[in-house]
């Protein structure tokens, strides 16, 4: 059916309020889903930072434990005896030979 100005007459929907309510509900659900996704991303980022810091601290503790064990703990090597014996004041002769005790070279014929 044509209206007076030449356009086709279309019945106005009586469910306009219902459609806008559905649109509002879809927008509300979309916004809630978007916020939830953003919170999941931020929680994952926070958890990754915490895990990285804890892992680094654990590695430092392990490294410190190993250093302590092998430097001051039961893992230290036994001290090696010194290669030169300790000298007492009058019991050992001097290490420098006296000129009279050195052998004299013999001439060869």
N, C-alpha and C. Protein backbone atom coordinates (compact mmCIF):
# COMPACT_ATOMS: atom_id res chain seq x y z
N UNK A 1 0.84 -1.16 0.00
CA UNK A 1 0.00 0.00 0.00
C UNK A 1 0.90 1.23 0.00
N UNK A 2 0.57 2.21 -0.76
CA UNK A 2 1.35 3.42 -0.90
C UNK A 2 0.76 4.52 -0.04
N UNK A 3 1.65 5.32 0.52
CA UNK A 3 1.18 6.47 1.28
C UNK A 3 0.95 7.63 0.32
N UNK A 4 0.53 8.74 0.85
CA UNK A 4 0.24 9.90 0.02
C UNK A 4 1.49 10.47 -0.66
N UNK A 5 2.62 10.34 -0.05
CA UNK A 5 3.83 10.89 -0.66
C UNK A 5 4.54 9.88 -1.55
N UNK A 6 4.02 8.70 -1.78
CA UNK A 6 4.58 7.76 -2.72
C UNK A 6 5.44 6.67 -2.09
N UNK A 7 5.60 6.70 -0.82
CA UNK A 7 6.40 5.66 -0.16
C UNK A 7 5.51 4.51 0.25
N UNK A 8 6.17 3.38 0.45
CA UNK A 8 5.43 2.21 0.89
C UNK A 8 5.22 2.33 2.38
N UNK A 9 4.04 2.14 2.81
CA UNK A 9 3.72 2.23 4.23
C UNK A 9 4.15 0.94 4.91
N UNK A 10 4.90 1.10 5.97
CA UNK A 10 5.38 -0.04 6.74
C UNK A 10 4.80 0.10 8.13
N UNK A 11 4.33 -0.98 8.66
CA UNK A 11 3.76 -0.95 10.00
C UNK A 11 4.87 -0.73 11.01
N UNK A 12 4.66 0.16 11.92
CA UNK A 12 5.62 0.46 12.97
C UNK A 12 5.58 -0.68 13.98
N UNK A 13 6.75 -1.16 14.32
CA UNK A 13 6.84 -2.29 15.22
C UNK A 13 6.46 -1.86 16.62
N UNK A 14 5.60 -2.63 17.23
CA UNK A 14 5.22 -2.35 18.61
C UNK A 14 6.25 -2.92 19.58
N UNK A 15 7.18 -3.74 19.10
CA UNK A 15 8.19 -4.36 19.94
C UNK A 15 9.47 -3.53 20.00
N UNK A 16 9.39 -2.25 19.74
CA UNK A 16 10.58 -1.40 19.73
C UNK A 16 11.25 -1.39 21.10
N UNK A 17 10.50 -1.35 22.15
CA UNK A 17 11.07 -1.38 23.49
C UNK A 17 11.78 -2.70 23.76
N UNK A 18 11.21 -3.78 23.24
CA UNK A 18 11.82 -5.08 23.43
C UNK A 18 13.14 -5.17 22.68
N UNK A 19 13.21 -4.65 21.46
CA UNK A 19 14.45 -4.68 20.68
C UNK A 19 15.53 -3.85 21.35
N UNK A 20 15.18 -2.68 21.85
CA UNK A 20 16.20 -1.85 22.51
C UNK A 20 16.65 -2.51 23.81
N UNK A 21 15.77 -3.21 24.48
CA UNK A 21 16.16 -3.92 25.70
C UNK A 21 17.13 -5.05 25.36
N UNK A 22 16.88 -5.73 24.24
CA UNK A 22 17.80 -6.79 23.81
C UNK A 22 19.15 -6.20 23.42
N UNK A 23 19.12 -5.04 22.75
CA UNK A 23 20.38 -4.39 22.40
C UNK A 23 21.16 -3.97 23.64
N UNK A 24 20.45 -3.44 24.62
CA UNK A 24 21.12 -3.05 25.88
C UNK A 24 21.69 -4.27 26.57
N UNK A 25 20.96 -5.37 26.57
CA UNK A 25 21.45 -6.60 27.20
C UNK A 25 22.69 -7.13 26.47
N UNK A 26 22.66 -7.11 25.14
CA UNK A 26 23.83 -7.54 24.37
C UNK A 26 25.03 -6.64 24.66
N UNK A 27 24.81 -5.35 24.75
CA UNK A 27 25.90 -4.41 25.04
C UNK A 27 26.45 -4.65 26.44
N UNK A 28 25.54 -4.92 27.40
CA UNK A 28 25.98 -5.19 28.77
C UNK A 28 26.80 -6.47 28.84
N UNK A 29 26.36 -7.52 28.17
CA UNK A 29 27.08 -8.80 28.17
C UNK A 29 28.43 -8.63 27.47
N UNK A 30 28.45 -7.88 26.36
CA UNK A 30 29.70 -7.64 25.65
C UNK A 30 30.69 -6.90 26.53
N UNK A 31 30.23 -5.86 27.20
CA UNK A 31 31.12 -5.09 28.08
C UNK A 31 31.63 -5.95 29.24
N UNK A 32 30.76 -6.79 29.80
CA UNK A 32 31.18 -7.67 30.89
C UNK A 32 32.23 -8.67 30.39
N UNK A 33 32.03 -9.21 29.19
CA UNK A 33 32.99 -10.15 28.63
C UNK A 33 34.32 -9.46 28.34
N UNK A 34 34.28 -8.23 27.86
CA UNK A 34 35.50 -7.47 27.57
C UNK A 34 36.27 -7.18 28.86
N UNK A 35 35.56 -6.78 29.91
CA UNK A 35 36.21 -6.52 31.20
C UNK A 35 36.81 -7.79 31.78
N UNK A 36 36.08 -8.90 31.67
CA UNK A 36 36.59 -10.17 32.19
C UNK A 36 37.87 -10.57 31.45
N UNK A 37 37.87 -10.44 30.14
CA UNK A 37 39.05 -10.78 29.35
C UNK A 37 40.23 -9.89 29.74
N UNK A 38 39.98 -8.60 29.95
CA UNK A 38 41.06 -7.69 30.36
C UNK A 38 41.60 -8.08 31.73
N UNK A 39 40.72 -8.50 32.64
CA UNK A 39 41.20 -8.90 33.97
C UNK A 39 42.00 -10.20 33.90
N UNK A 40 41.62 -11.11 33.00
CA UNK A 40 42.37 -12.35 32.83
C UNK A 40 43.77 -12.04 32.31
N UNK A 41 43.87 -11.12 31.36
CA UNK A 41 45.18 -10.75 30.82
C UNK A 41 46.05 -10.12 31.90
N UNK A 42 45.48 -9.21 32.69
CA UNK A 42 46.29 -8.57 33.74
C UNK A 42 46.69 -9.58 34.82
N UNK A 43 45.81 -10.53 35.14
CA UNK A 43 46.16 -11.55 36.13
C UNK A 43 47.28 -12.44 35.61
N UNK A 44 47.24 -12.81 34.34
CA UNK A 44 48.31 -13.63 33.77
C UNK A 44 49.64 -12.88 33.80
N UNK A 45 49.59 -11.59 33.47
CA UNK A 45 50.82 -10.79 33.48
C UNK A 45 51.38 -10.73 34.90
N UNK A 46 50.51 -10.48 35.88
CA UNK A 46 50.95 -10.43 37.28
C UNK A 46 51.53 -11.77 37.72
N UNK A 47 50.86 -12.85 37.36
CA UNK A 47 51.35 -14.18 37.74
C UNK A 47 52.71 -14.48 37.10
N UNK A 48 52.90 -14.05 35.86
CA UNK A 48 54.18 -14.27 35.18
C UNK A 48 55.29 -13.47 35.86
N UNK A 49 55.00 -12.25 36.28
CA UNK A 49 56.01 -11.44 36.97
C UNK A 49 56.37 -12.09 38.30
N UNK A 50 55.37 -12.53 39.04
CA UNK A 50 55.62 -13.17 40.34
C UNK A 50 56.44 -14.45 40.14
N UNK A 51 56.09 -15.25 39.14
CA UNK A 51 56.83 -16.49 38.89
C UNK A 51 58.27 -16.19 38.48
N UNK A 52 58.48 -15.15 37.69
CA UNK A 52 59.83 -14.79 37.28
C UNK A 52 60.68 -14.34 38.45
N UNK A 53 60.11 -13.52 39.33
CA UNK A 53 60.85 -13.05 40.50
C UNK A 53 61.15 -14.22 41.44
N UNK A 54 60.16 -15.07 41.66
CA UNK A 54 60.37 -16.22 42.55
C UNK A 54 61.40 -17.19 41.95
N UNK A 55 61.35 -17.41 40.65
CA UNK A 55 62.33 -18.28 40.01
C UNK A 55 63.74 -17.71 40.10
N UNK A 56 63.87 -16.40 39.90
CA UNK A 56 65.18 -15.76 40.03
C UNK A 56 65.71 -15.86 41.44
N UNK A 57 64.83 -15.64 42.42
CA UNK A 57 65.26 -15.74 43.82
C UNK A 57 65.68 -17.18 44.14
N UNK A 58 64.96 -18.14 43.61
CA UNK A 58 65.32 -19.55 43.84
C UNK A 58 66.68 -19.87 43.23
N UNK A 59 66.93 -19.39 42.02
CA UNK A 59 68.24 -19.63 41.40
C UNK A 59 69.36 -18.98 42.20
N UNK A 60 69.15 -17.76 42.69
CA UNK A 60 70.17 -17.11 43.51
C UNK A 60 70.41 -17.87 44.81
N UNK A 61 69.34 -18.39 45.42
CA UNK A 61 69.50 -19.16 46.65
C UNK A 61 70.27 -20.45 46.39
N UNK A 62 69.97 -21.11 45.29
CA UNK A 62 70.69 -22.35 44.96
C UNK A 62 72.16 -22.05 44.70
N UNK A 63 72.43 -21.00 43.94
CA UNK A 63 73.81 -20.62 43.65
C UNK A 63 74.55 -20.25 44.93
N UNK A 64 73.91 -19.48 45.81
CA UNK A 64 74.53 -19.11 47.09
C UNK A 64 74.80 -20.32 47.95
N UNK A 65 73.88 -21.27 47.96
CA UNK A 65 74.08 -22.49 48.73
C UNK A 65 75.26 -23.30 48.22
N UNK A 66 75.39 -23.39 46.91
CA UNK A 66 76.52 -24.12 46.33
C UNK A 66 77.85 -23.44 46.67
N UNK A 67 77.87 -22.13 46.55
CA UNK A 67 79.11 -21.39 46.87
C UNK A 67 79.46 -21.59 48.34
N UNK A 68 78.47 -21.47 49.22
CA UNK A 68 78.74 -21.64 50.65
C UNK A 68 79.19 -23.07 50.96
N UNK A 69 78.57 -24.06 50.33
CA UNK A 69 78.93 -25.45 50.60
C UNK A 69 80.37 -25.73 50.20
N UNK A 70 80.78 -25.23 49.06
CA UNK A 70 82.12 -25.55 48.58
C UNK A 70 83.20 -24.60 49.09
N UNK A 71 82.84 -23.53 49.77
CA UNK A 71 83.87 -22.64 50.32
C UNK A 71 84.02 -22.78 51.82
N UNK A 72 82.94 -22.97 52.56
CA UNK A 72 83.06 -23.04 54.02
C UNK A 72 82.41 -24.28 54.61
N UNK A 73 81.69 -25.05 53.84
CA UNK A 73 80.97 -26.20 54.38
C UNK A 73 81.77 -27.47 54.30
N UNK A 74 81.08 -28.62 54.42
CA UNK A 74 81.76 -29.90 54.39
C UNK A 74 82.31 -30.24 53.00
N UNK A 75 81.97 -29.48 52.00
CA UNK A 75 82.47 -29.76 50.66
C UNK A 75 83.82 -29.12 50.38
N UNK A 76 84.41 -28.47 51.38
CA UNK A 76 85.70 -27.82 51.16
C UNK A 76 86.79 -28.87 51.04
N UNK A 77 87.75 -28.68 50.16
CA UNK A 77 88.84 -29.65 50.06
C UNK A 77 89.75 -29.56 51.28
N UNK A 78 90.37 -30.69 51.61
CA UNK A 78 91.30 -30.70 52.74
C UNK A 78 92.50 -29.84 52.38
N UNK A 79 93.03 -29.11 53.35
CA UNK A 79 94.19 -28.27 53.03
C UNK A 79 95.39 -29.14 52.68
N UNK A 80 96.08 -28.78 51.62
CA UNK A 80 97.25 -29.54 51.18
C UNK A 80 98.45 -29.13 52.03
N UNK A 81 99.34 -30.08 52.32
CA UNK A 81 100.53 -29.72 53.10
C UNK A 81 101.39 -28.75 52.30
N UNK A 82 102.05 -27.88 53.02
CA UNK A 82 102.89 -26.90 52.34
C UNK A 82 104.14 -27.59 51.81
N UNK A 83 104.64 -27.18 50.66
CA UNK A 83 105.80 -27.86 50.08
C UNK A 83 107.10 -27.59 50.83
N UNK A 84 107.23 -26.49 51.53
CA UNK A 84 108.46 -26.21 52.29
C UNK A 84 108.20 -26.47 53.75
N UNK A 85 109.06 -27.26 54.40
CA UNK A 85 108.86 -27.52 55.83
C UNK A 85 109.17 -26.26 56.63
N UNK A 86 108.58 -26.20 57.77
CA UNK A 86 108.83 -25.06 58.65
C UNK A 86 110.23 -25.19 59.24
N UNK A 87 110.98 -24.09 59.26
CA UNK A 87 112.36 -24.12 59.78
C UNK A 87 112.36 -23.66 61.23
N UNK A 88 113.17 -24.33 62.02
CA UNK A 88 113.36 -23.87 63.39
C UNK A 88 114.67 -23.08 63.43
N UNK A 89 114.85 -22.28 64.42
CA UNK A 89 115.91 -21.28 64.46
C UNK A 89 117.32 -21.87 64.38
N UNK A 90 117.68 -22.88 65.12
CA UNK A 90 119.06 -23.32 65.13
C UNK A 90 119.27 -24.73 64.65
N UNK A 91 118.28 -25.45 64.23
CA UNK A 91 118.44 -26.85 63.91
C UNK A 91 118.81 -27.10 62.45
N UNK A 92 118.50 -26.25 61.55
CA UNK A 92 118.79 -26.52 60.15
C UNK A 92 119.92 -25.63 59.66
N UNK A 93 120.78 -26.15 58.80
CA UNK A 93 121.88 -25.33 58.27
C UNK A 93 121.32 -24.32 57.28
N UNK A 94 122.05 -23.26 57.04
CA UNK A 94 121.58 -22.26 56.08
C UNK A 94 121.56 -22.86 54.67
N UNK A 95 120.67 -22.37 53.86
CA UNK A 95 120.53 -22.90 52.51
C UNK A 95 121.60 -22.38 51.57
N UNK A 96 122.25 -21.28 51.90
CA UNK A 96 123.30 -20.73 51.03
C UNK A 96 124.61 -21.43 51.37
N UNK A 97 125.28 -22.06 50.41
CA UNK A 97 126.54 -22.77 50.71
C UNK A 97 127.67 -21.76 50.97
N UNK A 98 128.55 -22.18 51.84
CA UNK A 98 129.71 -21.32 52.13
C UNK A 98 130.73 -21.47 51.01
N UNK A 99 131.58 -20.47 50.79
CA UNK A 99 132.55 -20.56 49.69
C UNK A 99 133.58 -21.66 49.90
N UNK A 100 133.87 -22.06 51.10
CA UNK A 100 134.88 -23.09 51.32
C UNK A 100 134.36 -24.48 50.99
N UNK A 101 133.09 -24.69 51.04
CA UNK A 101 132.56 -26.03 50.80
C UNK A 101 132.21 -26.27 49.34
N UNK A 102 132.42 -25.32 48.48
CA UNK A 102 132.08 -25.53 47.07
C UNK A 102 133.21 -26.29 46.39
N UNK A 103 132.94 -27.21 45.52
CA UNK A 103 133.99 -27.97 44.84
C UNK A 103 134.72 -27.07 43.83
N UNK A 104 135.99 -27.35 43.70
CA UNK A 104 136.80 -26.59 42.75
C UNK A 104 136.88 -27.35 41.45
N UNK A 105 136.81 -26.70 40.36
CA UNK A 105 136.87 -27.41 39.07
C UNK A 105 138.28 -27.91 38.81
N UNK A 106 138.39 -29.06 38.26
CA UNK A 106 139.70 -29.63 37.91
C UNK A 106 139.97 -29.37 36.43
N UNK A 107 141.20 -28.99 36.11
CA UNK A 107 141.49 -28.72 34.70
C UNK A 107 141.53 -30.01 33.91
N UNK A 108 141.13 -29.96 32.73
CA UNK A 108 141.13 -31.13 31.86
C UNK A 108 142.39 -31.14 31.00
N UNK A 109 143.08 -32.29 30.79
CA UNK A 109 144.35 -32.34 30.02
C UNK A 109 144.18 -32.12 28.56
